[in-house]
PDB file of N, CA and C in Angstrom:
ATOM      1  N   MET A   1      72.061  15.892 112.938  1.00  0.00           N
ATOM      2  CA  MET A   1      71.920  14.968 114.037  1.00  0.00           C
ATOM      3  C   MET A   1      71.025  15.609 115.090  1.00  0.00           C
ATOM      4  N   ARG A   2      70.115  14.829 115.641  1.00  0.00           N
ATOM      5  CA  ARG A   2      69.204  15.350 116.648  1.00  0.00           C
ATOM      6  C   ARG A   2      69.351  14.541 117.927  1.00  0.00           C
ATOM      7  N   CYS A   3      69.613  15.229 119.012  1.00  0.00           N
ATOM      8  CA  CYS A   3      69.736  14.595 120.317  1.00  0.00           C
ATOM      9  C   CYS A   3      68.612  15.107 121.197  1.00  0.00           C
ATOM     10  N   ALA A   4      68.070  14.253 122.036  1.00  0.00           N
ATOM     11  CA  ALA A   4      67.015  14.707 122.943  1.00  0.00           C
ATOM     12  C   ALA A   4      67.110  13.968 124.264  1.00  0.00           C
ATOM     13  N   VAL A   5      66.837  14.676 125.331  1.00  0.00           N
ATOM     14  CA  VAL A   5      66.720  14.075 126.647  1.00  0.00           C
ATOM     15  C   VAL A   5      65.239  13.939 126.917  1.00  0.00           C
ATOM     16  N   GLN A   6      64.812  12.800 127.380  1.00  0.00           N
ATOM     17  CA  GLN A   6      63.396  12.567 127.609  1.00  0.00           C
ATOM     18  C   GLN A   6      62.883  13.396 128.770  1.00  0.00           C
ATOM     19  N   SER A   7      61.603  13.766 128.683  1.00  0.00           N
ATOM     20  CA  SER A   7      60.981  14.477 129.790  1.00  0.00           C
ATOM     21  C   SER A   7      60.706  13.484 130.917  1.00  0.00           C
ATOM     22  N   LEU A   8      60.395  13.978 132.096  1.00  0.00           N
ATOM     23  CA  LEU A   8      60.098  13.140 133.239  1.00  0.00           C
ATOM     24  C   LEU A   8      58.934  12.208 132.939  1.00  0.00           C
ATOM     25  N   ALA A   9      57.893  12.718 132.295  1.00  0.00           N
ATOM     26  CA  ALA A   9      56.720  11.892 131.983  1.00  0.00           C
ATOM     27  C   ALA A   9      57.096  10.744 131.050  1.00  0.00           C
ATOM     28  N   GLN A  10      57.926  11.020 130.049  1.00  0.00           N
ATOM     29  CA  GLN A  10      58.346   9.972 129.122  1.00  0.00           C
ATOM     30  C   GLN A  10      59.159   8.909 129.848  1.00  0.00           C
ATOM     31  N   ARG A  11      60.043   9.320 130.719  1.00  0.00           N
ATOM     32  CA  ARG A  11      60.867   8.356 131.443  1.00  0.00           C
ATOM     33  C   ARG A  11      60.038   7.546 132.426  1.00  0.00           C
ATOM     34  N   ARG A  12      59.089   8.189 133.105  1.00  0.00           N
ATOM     35  CA  ARG A  12      58.239   7.464 134.055  1.00  0.00           C
ATOM     36  C   ARG A  12      57.389   6.433 133.332  1.00  0.00           C
ATOM     37  N   SER A  13      56.870   6.779 132.145  1.00  0.00           N
ATOM     38  CA  SER A  13      56.041   5.809 131.417  1.00  0.00           C
ATOM     39  C   SER A  13      56.876   4.608 131.006  1.00  0.00           C
ATOM     40  N   ARG A  14      58.139   4.831 130.710  1.00  0.00           N
ATOM     41  CA  ARG A  14      59.017   3.732 130.324  1.00  0.00           C
ATOM     42  C   ARG A  14      59.492   2.938 131.536  1.00  0.00           C
ATOM     43  N   LEU A  15      59.756   3.614 132.644  1.00  0.00           N
ATOM     44  CA  LEU A  15      60.324   2.958 133.819  1.00  0.00           C
ATOM     45  C   LEU A  15      59.301   2.638 134.903  1.00  0.00           C
ATOM     46  N   GLY A  16      58.091   3.143 134.768  1.00  0.00           N
ATOM     47  CA  GLY A  16      57.075   2.943 135.799  1.00  0.00           C
ATOM     48  C   GLY A  16      56.987   4.145 136.708  1.00  0.00           C
ATOM     49  N   SER A  17      55.810   4.403 137.238  1.00  0.00           N
ATOM     50  CA  SER A  17      55.586   5.614 138.033  1.00  0.00           C
ATOM     51  C   SER A  17      56.308   5.580 139.370  1.00  0.00           C
ATOM     52  N   GLU A  18      56.838   4.443 139.784  1.00  0.00           N
ATOM     53  CA  GLU A  18      57.560   4.332 141.044  1.00  0.00           C
ATOM     54  C   GLU A  18      58.947   4.968 140.971  1.00  0.00           C
ATOM     55  N   SER A  19      59.381   5.289 139.764  1.00  0.00           N
ATOM     56  CA  SER A  19      60.736   5.805 139.596  1.00  0.00           C
ATOM     57  C   SER A  19      60.903   7.141 140.311  1.00  0.00           C
ATOM     58  N   CYS A  20      62.095   7.397 140.825  1.00  0.00           N
ATOM     59  CA  CYS A  20      62.366   8.644 141.544  1.00  0.00           C
ATOM     60  C   CYS A  20      63.259   9.546 140.695  1.00  0.00           C
ATOM     61  N   LEU A  21      62.864   9.758 139.457  1.00  0.00           N
ATOM     62  CA  LEU A  21      63.632  10.605 138.554  1.00  0.00           C
ATOM     63  C   LEU A  21      63.278  12.058 138.791  1.00  0.00           C
ATOM     64  N   GLU A  22      64.273  12.919 138.717  1.00  0.00           N
ATOM     65  CA  GLU A  22      64.011  14.341 138.904  1.00  0.00           C
ATOM     66  C   GLU A  22      63.568  14.978 137.591  1.00  0.00           C
ATOM     67  N   GLU A  23      62.838  16.053 137.693  1.00  0.00           N
ATOM     68  CA  GLU A  23      62.335  16.757 136.519  1.00  0.00           C
ATOM     69  C   GLU A  23      63.480  17.420 135.772  1.00  0.00           C
ATOM     70  N   ARG A  24      63.530  17.198 134.467  1.00  0.00           N
ATOM     71  CA  ARG A  24      64.498  17.866 133.610  1.00  0.00           C
ATOM     72  C   ARG A  24      63.777  18.297 132.350  1.00  0.00           C
ATOM     73  N   PRO A  25      64.080  19.467 131.839  1.00  0.00           N
ATOM     74  CA  PRO A  25      63.389  19.925 130.630  1.00  0.00           C
ATOM     75  C   PRO A  25      63.818  19.131 129.402  1.00  0.00           C
ATOM     76  N   LEU A  26      62.920  19.081 128.414  1.00  0.00           N
ATOM     77  CA  LEU A  26      63.243  18.454 127.142  1.00  0.00           C
ATOM     78  C   LEU A  26      64.278  19.311 126.447  1.00  0.00           C
ATOM     79  N   TRP A  27      65.350  18.707 125.969  1.00  0.00           N
ATOM     80  CA  TRP A  27      66.442  19.433 125.331  1.00  0.00           C
ATOM     81  C   TRP A  27      66.693  18.833 123.972  1.00  0.00           C
ATOM     82  N   THR A  28      66.830  19.658 122.982  1.00  0.00           N
ATOM     83  CA  THR A  28      67.227  19.181 121.661  1.00  0.00           C
ATOM     84  C   THR A  28      68.337  20.063 121.143  1.00  0.00           C
ATOM     85  N   SER A  29      69.105  19.539 120.215  1.00  0.00           N
ATOM     86  CA  SER A  29      70.200  20.325 119.665  1.00  0.00           C
ATOM     87  C   SER A  29      69.684  21.536 118.899  1.00  0.00           C
ATOM     88  N   GLU A  30      68.438  21.466 118.425  1.00  0.00           N
ATOM     89  CA  GLU A  30      67.882  22.597 117.680  1.00  0.00           C
ATOM     90  C   GLU A  30      67.565  23.800 118.566  1.00  0.00           C
ATOM     91  N   ASN A  31      67.227  23.564 119.840  1.00  0.00           N
ATOM     92  CA  ASN A  31      66.851  24.693 120.692  1.00  0.00           C
ATOM     93  C   ASN A  31      67.866  24.966 121.792  1.00  0.00           C
ATOM     94  N   SER A  32      69.035  24.397 121.672  1.00  0.00           N
ATOM     95  CA  SER A  32      70.056  24.602 122.699  1.00  0.00           C
ATOM     96  C   SER A  32      71.095  25.597 122.224  1.00  0.00           C
ATOM     97  N   SER A  33      71.913  26.011 123.143  1.00  0.00           N
ATOM     98  CA  SER A  33      73.041  26.865 122.778  1.00  0.00           C
ATOM     99  C   SER A  33      74.303  26.239 123.332  1.00  0.00           C
ATOM    100  N   SER A  34      75.396  26.503 122.686  1.00  0.00           N
ATOM    101  CA  SER A  34      76.673  25.980 123.159  1.00  0.00           C
ATOM    102  C   SER A  34      77.153  26.819 124.334  1.00  0.00           C
ATOM    103  N   LEU A  35      78.181  26.334 125.019  1.00  0.00           N
ATOM    104  CA  LEU A  35      78.764  27.101 126.116  1.00  0.00           C
ATOM    105  C   LEU A  35      79.263  28.446 125.617  1.00  0.00           C
ATOM    106  N   ALA A  36      79.863  28.449 124.429  1.00  0.00           N
ATOM    107  CA  ALA A  36      80.354  29.714 123.867  1.00  0.00           C
ATOM    108  C   ALA A  36      79.205  30.688 123.642  1.00  0.00           C
ATOM    109  N   ASP A  37      78.060  30.188 123.123  1.00  0.00           N
ATOM    110  CA  ASP A  37      76.896  31.049 122.917  1.00  0.00           C
ATOM    111  C   ASP A  37      76.368  31.561 124.256  1.00  0.00           C
ATOM    112  N   THR A  38      76.372  30.697 125.261  1.00  0.00           N
ATOM    113  CA  THR A  38      75.883  31.085 126.578  1.00  0.00           C
ATOM    114  C   THR A  38      76.768  32.169 127.184  1.00  0.00           C
ATOM    115  N   LEU A  39      78.083  32.021 127.025  1.00  0.00           N
ATOM    116  CA  LEU A  39      79.011  32.994 127.595  1.00  0.00           C
ATOM    117  C   LEU A  39      79.067  34.291 126.797  1.00  0.00           C
ATOM    118  N   GLU A  40      78.754  34.210 125.501  1.00  0.00           N
ATOM    119  CA  GLU A  40      78.809  35.394 124.637  1.00  0.00           C
ATOM    120  C   GLU A  40      77.881  36.478 125.169  1.00  0.00           C
ATOM    121  N   GLY A  41      78.420  37.628 125.416  1.00  0.00           N
ATOM    122  CA  GLY A  41      77.622  38.752 125.898  1.00  0.00           C
ATOM    123  C   GLY A  41      77.310  38.688 127.383  1.00  0.00           C
ATOM    124  N   SER A  42      77.770  37.662 128.076  1.00  0.00           N
ATOM    125  CA  SER A  42      77.500  37.554 129.503  1.00  0.00           C
ATOM    126  C   SER A  42      78.616  38.247 130.287  1.00  0.00           C
ATOM    127  N   ASN A  43      78.436  38.306 131.578  1.00  0.00           N
ATOM    128  CA  ASN A  43      79.435  38.928 132.439  1.00  0.00           C
ATOM    129  C   ASN A  43      80.433  37.918 132.992  1.00  0.00           C
ATOM    130  N   VAL A  44      80.476  36.723 132.410  1.00  0.00           N
ATOM    131  CA  VAL A  44      81.402  35.690 132.871  1.00  0.00           C
ATOM    132  C   VAL A  44      82.799  36.038 132.369  1.00  0.00           C
ATOM    133  N   ALA A  45      83.690  36.258 133.309  1.00  0.00           N
ATOM    134  CA  ALA A  45      85.072  36.583 132.940  1.00  0.00           C
ATOM    135  C   ALA A  45      85.779  35.325 132.458  1.00  0.00           C
ATOM    136  N   ARG A  46      86.544  35.468 131.394  1.00  0.00           N
ATOM    137  CA  ARG A  46      87.331  34.358 130.866  1.00  0.00           C
ATOM    138  C   ARG A  46      88.792  34.763 130.888  1.00  0.00           C
ATOM    139  N   GLN A  47      89.638  33.830 131.302  1.00  0.00           N
ATOM    140  CA  GLN A  47      91.063  34.102 131.384  1.00  0.00           C
ATOM    141  C   GLN A  47      91.817  33.009 130.636  1.00  0.00           C
ATOM    142  N   ILE A  48      92.677  33.408 129.711  1.00  0.00           N
ATOM    143  CA  ILE A  48      93.519  32.465 128.984  1.00  0.00           C
ATOM    144  C   ILE A  48      94.652  32.032 129.911  1.00  0.00           C
ATOM    145  N   VAL A  49      94.923  30.737 129.951  1.00  0.00           N
ATOM    146  CA  VAL A  49      95.980  30.190 130.807  1.00  0.00           C
ATOM    147  C   VAL A  49      97.136  29.741 129.925  1.00  0.00           C
ATOM    148  N   PHE A  50      98.349  30.159 130.280  1.00  0.00           N
ATOM    149  CA  PHE A  50      99.541  29.709 129.569  1.00  0.00           C
ATOM    150  C   PHE A  50     100.679  29.524 130.563  1.00  0.00           C
ATOM    151  N   THR A  51     101.423  28.435 130.383  1.00  0.00           N
ATOM    152  CA  THR A  51     102.633  28.214 131.160  1.00  0.00           C
ATOM    153  C   THR A  51     103.709  27.639 130.245  1.00  0.00           C
ATOM    154  N   ALA A  52     104.938  28.075 130.463  1.00  0.00           N
ATOM    155  CA  ALA A  52     106.070  27.532 129.705  1.00  0.00           C
ATOM    156  C   ALA A  52     106.461  26.150 130.209  1.00  0.00           C
ATOM    157  N   LYS A  53     105.861  25.705 131.326  1.00  0.00           N
ATOM    158  CA  LYS A  53     106.164  24.394 131.894  1.00  0.00           C
ATOM    159  C   LYS A  53     105.421  23.261 131.200  1.00  0.00           C
ATOM    160  N   ALA A  54     104.570  23.602 130.233  1.00  0.00           N
ATOM    161  CA  ALA A  54     103.830  22.596 129.460  1.00  0.00           C
ATOM    162  C   ALA A  54     104.085  22.840 127.983  1.00  0.00           C
ATOM    163  N   ALA A  55     103.754  21.849 127.173  1.00  0.00           N
ATOM    164  CA  ALA A  55     103.964  21.952 125.731  1.00  0.00           C
ATOM    165  C   ALA A  55     103.228  23.164 125.158  1.00  0.00           C
ATOM    166  N   LYS A  56     103.868  23.859 124.256  1.00  0.00           N
ATOM    167  CA  LYS A  56     103.267  25.022 123.606  1.00  0.00           C
ATOM    168  C   LYS A  56     102.139  24.541 122.687  1.00  0.00           C
ATOM    169  N   PRO A  57     100.965  25.161 122.766  1.00  0.00           N
ATOM    170  CA  PRO A  57      99.851  24.727 121.925  1.00  0.00           C
ATOM    171  C   PRO A  57      99.988  25.249 120.495  1.00  0.00           C
ATOM    172  N   PRO A  58      99.230  24.667 119.550  1.00  0.00           N
ATOM    173  CA  PRO A  58      99.203  25.237 118.196  1.00  0.00           C
ATOM    174  C   PRO A  58      98.723  26.692 118.256  1.00  0.00           C
ATOM    175  N   ALA A  59      99.000  27.446 117.221  1.00  0.00           N
ATOM    176  CA  ALA A  59      98.702  28.885 117.210  1.00  0.00           C
ATOM    177  C   ALA A  59      97.230  29.213 117.465  1.00  0.00           C
ATOM    178  N   THR A  60      96.322  28.336 117.097  1.00  0.00           N
ATOM    179  CA  THR A  60      94.888  28.629 117.233  1.00  0.00           C
ATOM    180  C   THR A  60      94.297  28.135 118.547  1.00  0.00           C
ATOM    181  N   TYR A  61      95.089  27.555 119.430  1.00  0.00           N
ATOM    182  CA  TYR A  61      94.618  27.009 120.698  1.00  0.00           C
ATOM    183  C   TYR A  61      95.226  27.763 121.873  1.00  0.00           C
ATOM    184  N   SER A  62      94.526  27.696 122.999  1.00  0.00           N
ATOM    185  CA  SER A  62      95.075  28.096 124.294  1.00  0.00           C
ATOM    186  C   SER A  62      95.338  26.811 125.052  1.00  0.00           C
ATOM    187  N   GLN A  63      96.280  26.823 125.974  1.00  0.00           N
ATOM    188  CA  GLN A  63      96.479  25.635 126.805  1.00  0.00           C
ATOM    189  C   GLN A  63      95.243  25.378 127.660  1.00  0.00           C
ATOM    190  N   ALA A  64      94.634  26.449 128.140  1.00  0.00           N
ATOM    191  CA  ALA A  64      93.421  26.324 128.945  1.00  0.00           C
ATOM    192  C   ALA A  64      92.725  27.677 129.013  1.00  0.00           C
ATOM    193  N   VAL A  65      91.457  27.628 129.418  1.00  0.00           N
ATOM    194  CA  VAL A  65      90.673  28.836 129.658  1.00  0.00           C
ATOM    195  C   VAL A  65      89.965  28.654 130.992  1.00  0.00           C
ATOM    196  N   LYS A  66      90.033  29.686 131.827  1.00  0.00           N
ATOM    197  CA  LYS A  66      89.285  29.696 133.086  1.00  0.00           C
ATOM    198  C   LYS A  66      88.028  30.516 132.870  1.00  0.00           C
ATOM    199  N   ALA A  67      86.879  29.952 133.286  1.00  0.00           N
ATOM    200  CA  ALA A  67      85.608  30.670 133.181  1.00  0.00           C
ATOM    201  C   ALA A  67      84.636  30.101 134.208  1.00  0.00           C
ATOM    202  N   ALA A  68      83.920  30.966 134.868  1.00  0.00           N
ATOM    203  CA  ALA A  68      82.869  30.572 135.815  1.00  0.00           C
ATOM    204  C   ALA A  68      83.380  29.591 136.869  1.00  0.00           C
ATOM    205  N   GLY A  69      84.616  29.779 137.325  1.00  0.00           N
ATOM    206  CA  GLY A  69      85.167  28.919 138.356  1.00  0.00           C
ATOM    207  C   GLY A  69      85.653  27.563 137.865  1.00  0.00           C
ATOM    208  N   LEU A  70      85.657  27.356 136.557  1.00  0.00           N
ATOM    209  CA  LEU A  70      86.099  26.093 135.959  1.00  0.00           C
ATOM    210  C   LEU A  70      87.333  26.333 135.108  1.00  0.00           C
ATOM    211  N   VAL A  71      88.106  25.275 134.896  1.00  0.00           N
ATOM    212  CA  VAL A  71      89.266  25.338 134.021  1.00  0.00           C
ATOM    213  C   VAL A  71      89.040  24.342 132.893  1.00  0.00           C
ATOM    214  N   PHE A  72      89.073  24.821 131.658  1.00  0.00           N
ATOM    215  CA  PHE A  72      88.899  23.977 130.478  1.00  0.00           C
ATOM    216  C   PHE A  72      90.265  23.831 129.812  1.00  0.00           C
ATOM    217  N   VAL A  73      90.845  22.638 129.905  1.00  0.00           N
ATOM    218  CA  VAL A  73      92.175  22.379 129.358  1.00  0.00           C
ATOM    219  C   VAL A  73      92.026  21.823 127.947  1.00  0.00           C
ATOM    220  N   SER A  74      92.779  22.381 127.009  1.00  0.00           N
ATOM    221  CA  SER A  74      92.766  21.890 125.632  1.00  0.00           C
ATOM    222  C   SER A  74      93.527  20.580 125.540  1.00  0.00           C
ATOM    223  N   GLY A  75      93.339  19.885 124.441  1.00  0.00           N
ATOM    224  CA  GLY A  75      94.073  18.649 124.218  1.00  0.00           C
ATOM    225  C   GLY A  75      95.566  18.914 124.217  1.00  0.00           C
ATOM    226  N   THR A  76      96.313  17.973 124.697  1.00  0.00           N
ATOM    227  CA  THR A  76      97.762  18.134 124.744  1.00  0.00           C
ATOM    228  C   THR A  76      98.437  16.861 124.256  1.00  0.00           C
ATOM    229  N   ALA A  77      99.484  17.039 123.520  1.00  0.00           N
ATOM    230  CA  ALA A  77     100.268  15.913 123.008  1.00  0.00           C
ATOM    231  C   ALA A  77     101.401  15.622 123.991  1.00  0.00           C
ATOM    232  N   PRO A  78     102.044  14.471 123.860  1.00  0.00           N
ATOM    233  CA  PRO A  78     103.163  14.140 124.751  1.00  0.00           C
ATOM    234  C   PRO A  78     104.443  14.865 124.348  1.00  0.00           C
ATOM    235  N   THR A  79     104.368  16.172 124.316  1.00  0.00           N
ATOM    236  CA  THR A  79     105.492  16.994 123.874  1.00  0.00           C
ATOM    237  C   THR A  79     106.275  17.501 125.076  1.00  0.00           C
ATOM    238  N   ASP A  80     107.580  17.416 124.989  1.00  0.00           N
ATOM    239  CA  ASP A  80     108.464  17.934 126.023  1.00  0.00           C
ATOM    240  C   ASP A  80     108.517  19.452 125.865  1.00  0.00           C
ATOM    241  N   PRO A  81     108.132  20.225 126.888  1.00  0.00           N
ATOM    242  CA  PRO A  81     108.126  21.678 126.751  1.00  0.00           C
ATOM    243  C   PRO A  81     109.507  22.280 126.532  1.00  0.00           C
ATOM    244  N   ALA A  82     110.543  21.611 126.987  1.00  0.00           N
ATOM    245  CA  ALA A  82     111.901  22.144 126.842  1.00  0.00           C
ATOM    246  C   ALA A  82     112.426  22.003 125.420  1.00  0.00           C
ATOM    247  N   THR A  83     112.074  20.894 124.761  1.00  0.00           N
ATOM    248  CA  THR A  83     112.631  20.633 123.430  1.00  0.00           C
ATOM    249  C   THR A  83     111.611  20.770 122.300  1.00  0.00           C
ATOM    250  N   GLY A  84     110.337  20.657 122.627  1.00  0.00           N
ATOM    251  CA  GLY A  84     109.299  20.694 121.597  1.00  0.00           C
ATOM    252  C   GLY A  84     109.133  19.368 120.871  1.00  0.00           C
ATOM    253  N   ALA A  85     109.908  18.361 121.279  1.00  0.00           N
ATOM    254  CA  ALA A  85     109.852  17.046 120.629  1.00  0.00           C
ATOM    255  C   ALA A  85     108.879  16.128 121.368  1.00  0.00           C
ATOM    256  N   LEU A  86     108.298  15.178 120.609  1.00  0.00           N
ATOM    257  CA  LEU A  86     107.458  14.175 121.246  1.00  0.00           C
ATOM    258  C   LEU A  86     108.315  13.366 122.200  1.00  0.00           C
ATOM    259  N   LYS A  87     107.753  13.050 123.356  1.00  0.00           N
ATOM    260  CA  LYS A  87     108.524  12.358 124.385  1.00  0.00           C
ATOM    261  C   LYS A  87     107.921  10.978 124.632  1.00  0.00           C
ATOM    262  N   GLY A  88     108.758   9.971 124.622  1.00  0.00           N
ATOM    263  CA  GLY A  88     108.324   8.619 124.934  1.00  0.00           C
ATOM    264  C   GLY A  88     108.010   7.804 123.694  1.00  0.00           C
ATOM    265  N   THR A  89     108.264   6.505 123.816  1.00  0.00           N
ATOM    266  CA  THR A  89     107.978   5.602 122.696  1.00  0.00           C
ATOM    267  C   THR A  89     106.848   4.644 123.029  1.00  0.00           C
ATOM    268  N   THR A  90     106.484   4.539 124.306  1.00  0.00           N
ATOM    269  CA  THR A  90     105.390   3.658 124.700  1.00  0.00           C
ATOM    270  C   THR A  90     104.180   4.498 125.088  1.00  0.00           C
ATOM    271  N   ILE A  91     103.026   3.865 125.110  1.00  0.00           N
ATOM    272  CA  ILE A  91     101.818   4.582 125.517  1.00  0.00           C
ATOM    273  C   ILE A  91     101.936   5.050 126.968  1.00  0.00           C
ATOM    274  N   GLN A  92     102.633   4.277 127.790  1.00  0.00           N
ATOM    275  CA  GLN A  92     102.813   4.668 129.186  1.00  0.00           C
ATOM    276  C   GLN A  92     103.652   5.942 129.296  1.00  0.00           C
ATOM    277  N   ASP A  93     104.763   5.986 128.570  1.00  0.00           N
ATOM    278  CA  ASP A  93     105.629   7.175 128.590  1.00  0.00           C
ATOM    279  C   ASP A  93     104.890   8.401 128.054  1.00  0.00           C
ATOM    280  N   GLN A  94     104.166   8.218 126.969  1.00  0.00           N
ATOM    281  CA  GLN A  94     103.465   9.340 126.351  1.00  0.00           C
ATOM    282  C   GLN A  94     102.304   9.820 127.223  1.00  0.00           C
ATOM    283  N   THR A  95     101.597   8.895 127.859  1.00  0.00           N
ATOM    284  CA  THR A  95     100.512   9.278 128.774  1.00  0.00           C
ATOM    285  C   THR A  95     101.077  10.053 129.958  1.00  0.00           C
ATOM    286  N   ARG A  96     102.194   9.594 130.488  1.00  0.00           N
ATOM    287  CA  ARG A  96     102.846  10.285 131.607  1.00  0.00           C
ATOM    288  C   ARG A  96     103.204  11.719 131.218  1.00  0.00           C
ATOM    289  N   GLN A  97     103.729  11.917 129.999  1.00  0.00           N
ATOM    290  CA  GLN A  97     104.095  13.262 129.552  1.00  0.00           C
ATOM    291  C   GLN A  97     102.854  14.134 129.368  1.00  0.00           C
ATOM    292  N   CYS A  98     101.797  13.577 128.810  1.00  0.00           N
ATOM    293  CA  CYS A  98     100.544  14.338 128.671  1.00  0.00           C
ATOM    294  C   CYS A  98     100.044  14.786 130.039  1.00  0.00           C
ATOM    295  N   LEU A  99     100.053  13.882 131.014  1.00  0.00           N
ATOM    296  CA  LEU A  99      99.592  14.230 132.359  1.00  0.00           C
ATOM    297  C   LEU A  99     100.516  15.242 133.038  1.00  0.00           C
ATOM    298  N   THR A 100     101.804  15.161 132.767  1.00  0.00           N
ATOM    299  CA  THR A 100     102.748  16.160 133.291  1.00  0.00           C
ATOM    300  C   THR A 100     102.414  17.536 132.722  1.00  0.00           C
ATOM    301  N   ASN A 101     102.140  17.589 131.416  1.00  0.00           N
ATOM    302  CA  ASN A 101     101.754  18.855 130.782  1.00  0.00           C
ATOM    303  C   ASN A 101     100.444  19.382 131.367  1.00  0.00           C
ATOM    304  N   ILE A 102      99.452  18.502 131.520  1.00  0.00           N
ATOM    305  CA  ILE A 102      98.151  18.911 132.064  1.00  0.00           C
ATOM    306  C   ILE A 102      98.307  19.399 133.500  1.00  0.00           C
ATOM    307  N   GLN A 103      99.117  18.712 134.289  1.00  0.00           N
ATOM    308  CA  GLN A 103      99.352  19.127 135.668  1.00  0.00           C
ATOM    309  C   GLN A 103      99.945  20.541 135.717  1.00  0.00           C
ATOM    310  N   ALA A 104     100.913  20.820 134.860  1.00  0.00           N
ATOM    311  CA  ALA A 104     101.526  22.155 134.833  1.00  0.00           C
ATOM    312  C   ALA A 104     100.501  23.222 134.448  1.00  0.00           C
ATOM    313  N   ILE A 105      99.646  22.906 133.493  1.00  0.00           N
ATOM    314  CA  ILE A 105      98.609  23.862 133.063  1.00  0.00           C
ATOM    315  C   ILE A 105      97.625  24.112 134.198  1.00  0.00           C
ATOM    316  N   LEU A 106      97.172  23.041 134.839  1.00  0.00           N
ATOM    317  CA  LEU A 106      96.225  23.197 135.949  1.00  0.00           C
ATOM    318  C   LEU A 106      96.838  23.985 137.104  1.00  0.00           C
ATOM    319  N   GLU A 107      98.089  23.722 137.421  1.00  0.00           N
ATOM    320  CA  GLU A 107      98.748  24.469 138.499  1.00  0.00           C
ATOM    321  C   GLU A 107      98.860  25.947 138.151  1.00  0.00           C
ATOM    322  N   GLU A 108      99.154  26.259 136.893  1.00  0.00           N
ATOM    323  CA  GLU A 108      99.208  27.662 136.457  1.00  0.00           C
ATOM    324  C   GLU A 108      97.840  28.333 136.618  1.00  0.00           C
ATOM    325  N   ALA A 109      96.780  27.537 136.441  1.00  0.00           N
ATOM    326  CA  ALA A 109      95.413  28.054 136.571  1.00  0.00           C
ATOM    327  C   ALA A 109      94.929  28.072 138.019  1.00  0.00           C
ATOM    328  N   GLY A 110      95.777  27.577 138.948  1.00  0.00           N
ATOM    329  CA  GLY A 110      95.383  27.553 140.352  1.00  0.00           C
ATOM    330  C   GLY A 110      94.584  26.318 140.723  1.00  0.00           C
ATOM    331  N   SER A 111      94.705  25.259 139.946  1.00  0.00           N
ATOM    332  CA  SER A 111      93.977  24.027 140.214  1.00  0.00           C
ATOM    333  C   SER A 111      94.952  22.860 140.304  1.00  0.00           C
ATOM    334  N   SER A 112      94.441  21.636 140.222  1.00  0.00           N
ATOM    335  CA  SER A 112      95.307  20.458 140.319  1.00  0.00           C
ATOM    336  C   SER A 112      94.622  19.244 139.703  1.00  0.00           C
ATOM    337  N   LEU A 113      95.395  18.188 139.516  1.00  0.00           N
ATOM    338  CA  LEU A 113      94.869  16.950 138.928  1.00  0.00           C
ATOM    339  C   LEU A 113      93.751  16.345 139.775  1.00  0.00           C
ATOM    340  N   ASP A 114      93.807  16.503 141.093  1.00  0.00           N
ATOM    341  CA  ASP A 114      92.792  15.879 141.947  1.00  0.00           C
ATOM    342  C   ASP A 114      91.435  16.574 141.881  1.00  0.00           C
ATOM    343  N   LYS A 115      91.342  17.682 141.173  1.00  0.00           N
ATOM    344  CA  LYS A 115      90.066  18.388 141.028  1.00  0.00           C
ATOM    345  C   LYS A 115      89.423  18.151 139.662  1.00  0.00           C
ATOM    346  N   ILE A 116      89.994  17.273 138.857  1.00  0.00           N
ATOM    347  CA  ILE A 116      89.452  16.992 137.522  1.00  0.00           C
ATOM    348  C   ILE A 116      88.091  16.337 137.646  1.00  0.00           C
ATOM    349  N   VAL A 117      87.147  16.806 136.832  1.00  0.00           N
ATOM    350  CA  VAL A 117      85.794  16.267 136.831  1.00  0.00           C
ATOM    351  C   VAL A 117      85.567  15.345 135.638  1.00  0.00           C
ATOM    352  N   SER A 118      86.115  15.695 134.489  1.00  0.00           N
ATOM    353  CA  SER A 118      85.863  14.926 133.275  1.00  0.00           C
ATOM    354  C   SER A 118      87.093  14.958 132.376  1.00  0.00           C
ATOM    355  N   VAL A 119      87.348  13.835 131.710  1.00  0.00           N
ATOM    356  CA  VAL A 119      88.481  13.730 130.812  1.00  0.00           C
ATOM    357  C   VAL A 119      88.029  13.010 129.545  1.00  0.00           C
ATOM    358  N   THR A 120      88.467  13.486 128.404  1.00  0.00           N
ATOM    359  CA  THR A 120      88.254  12.794 127.145  1.00  0.00           C
ATOM    360  C   THR A 120      89.625  12.435 126.587  1.00  0.00           C
ATOM    361  N   ILE A 121      89.809  11.162 126.264  1.00  0.00           N
ATOM    362  CA  ILE A 121      91.092  10.685 125.760  1.00  0.00           C
ATOM    363  C   ILE A 121      90.923  10.261 124.312  1.00  0.00           C
ATOM    364  N   VAL A 122      91.804  10.746 123.458  1.00  0.00           N
ATOM    365  CA  VAL A 122      91.778  10.393 122.036  1.00  0.00           C
ATOM    366  C   VAL A 122      93.086   9.672 121.729  1.00  0.00           C
ATOM    367  N   LEU A 123      92.974   8.450 121.240  1.00  0.00           N
ATOM    368  CA  LEU A 123      94.144   7.664 120.878  1.00  0.00           C
ATOM    369  C   LEU A 123      94.185   7.461 119.375  1.00  0.00           C
ATOM    370  N   ARG A 124      95.370   7.507 118.816  1.00  0.00           N
ATOM    371  CA  ARG A 124      95.544   7.205 117.409  1.00  0.00           C
ATOM    372  C   ARG A 124      95.660   5.703 117.271  1.00  0.00           C
ATOM    373  N   ALA A 125      95.019   5.159 116.265  1.00  0.00           N
ATOM    374  CA  ALA A 125      95.078   3.712 116.037  1.00  0.00           C
ATOM    375  C   ALA A 125      96.510   3.304 115.714  1.00  0.00           C
ATOM    376  N   GLY A 126      96.916   2.138 116.228  1.00  0.00           N
ATOM    377  CA  GLY A 126      98.256   1.634 115.982  1.00  0.00           C
ATOM    378  C   GLY A 126      98.461   1.288 114.527  1.00  0.00           C
ATOM    379  N   ARG A 127      99.701   1.250 114.134  1.00  0.00           N
ATOM    380  CA  ARG A 127     100.017   0.954 112.737  1.00  0.00           C
ATOM    381  C   ARG A 127     100.213  -0.511 112.533  1.00  0.00           C
TER     382      ARG A 127
END
């Protein structure tokens, strides 16, 4: 798969020279690096975040990682941290539990829900 962001000249030709678009370099997946590649070998400190107040993650995941002043929270299921069981039977109950878990993780990392910049939600299709 190839992704590309258009250069300023390409965007201006499409939108007209009156456009007030800022200059951005052409980027493709072939010449880019991932965040992990960028951080590899750098002096950016990374800290694993864990709290018992949120659901325990699978063995290969961390609840969150702090790096470069940001907190990256891993996906979380609607699991009750006290029992390890899924909590709630409705999407509302399960969403509330996920947000409770995320809030606990963010607080452990020194952050909060009101500082969230981006969220990706994955839902399982109903039966």
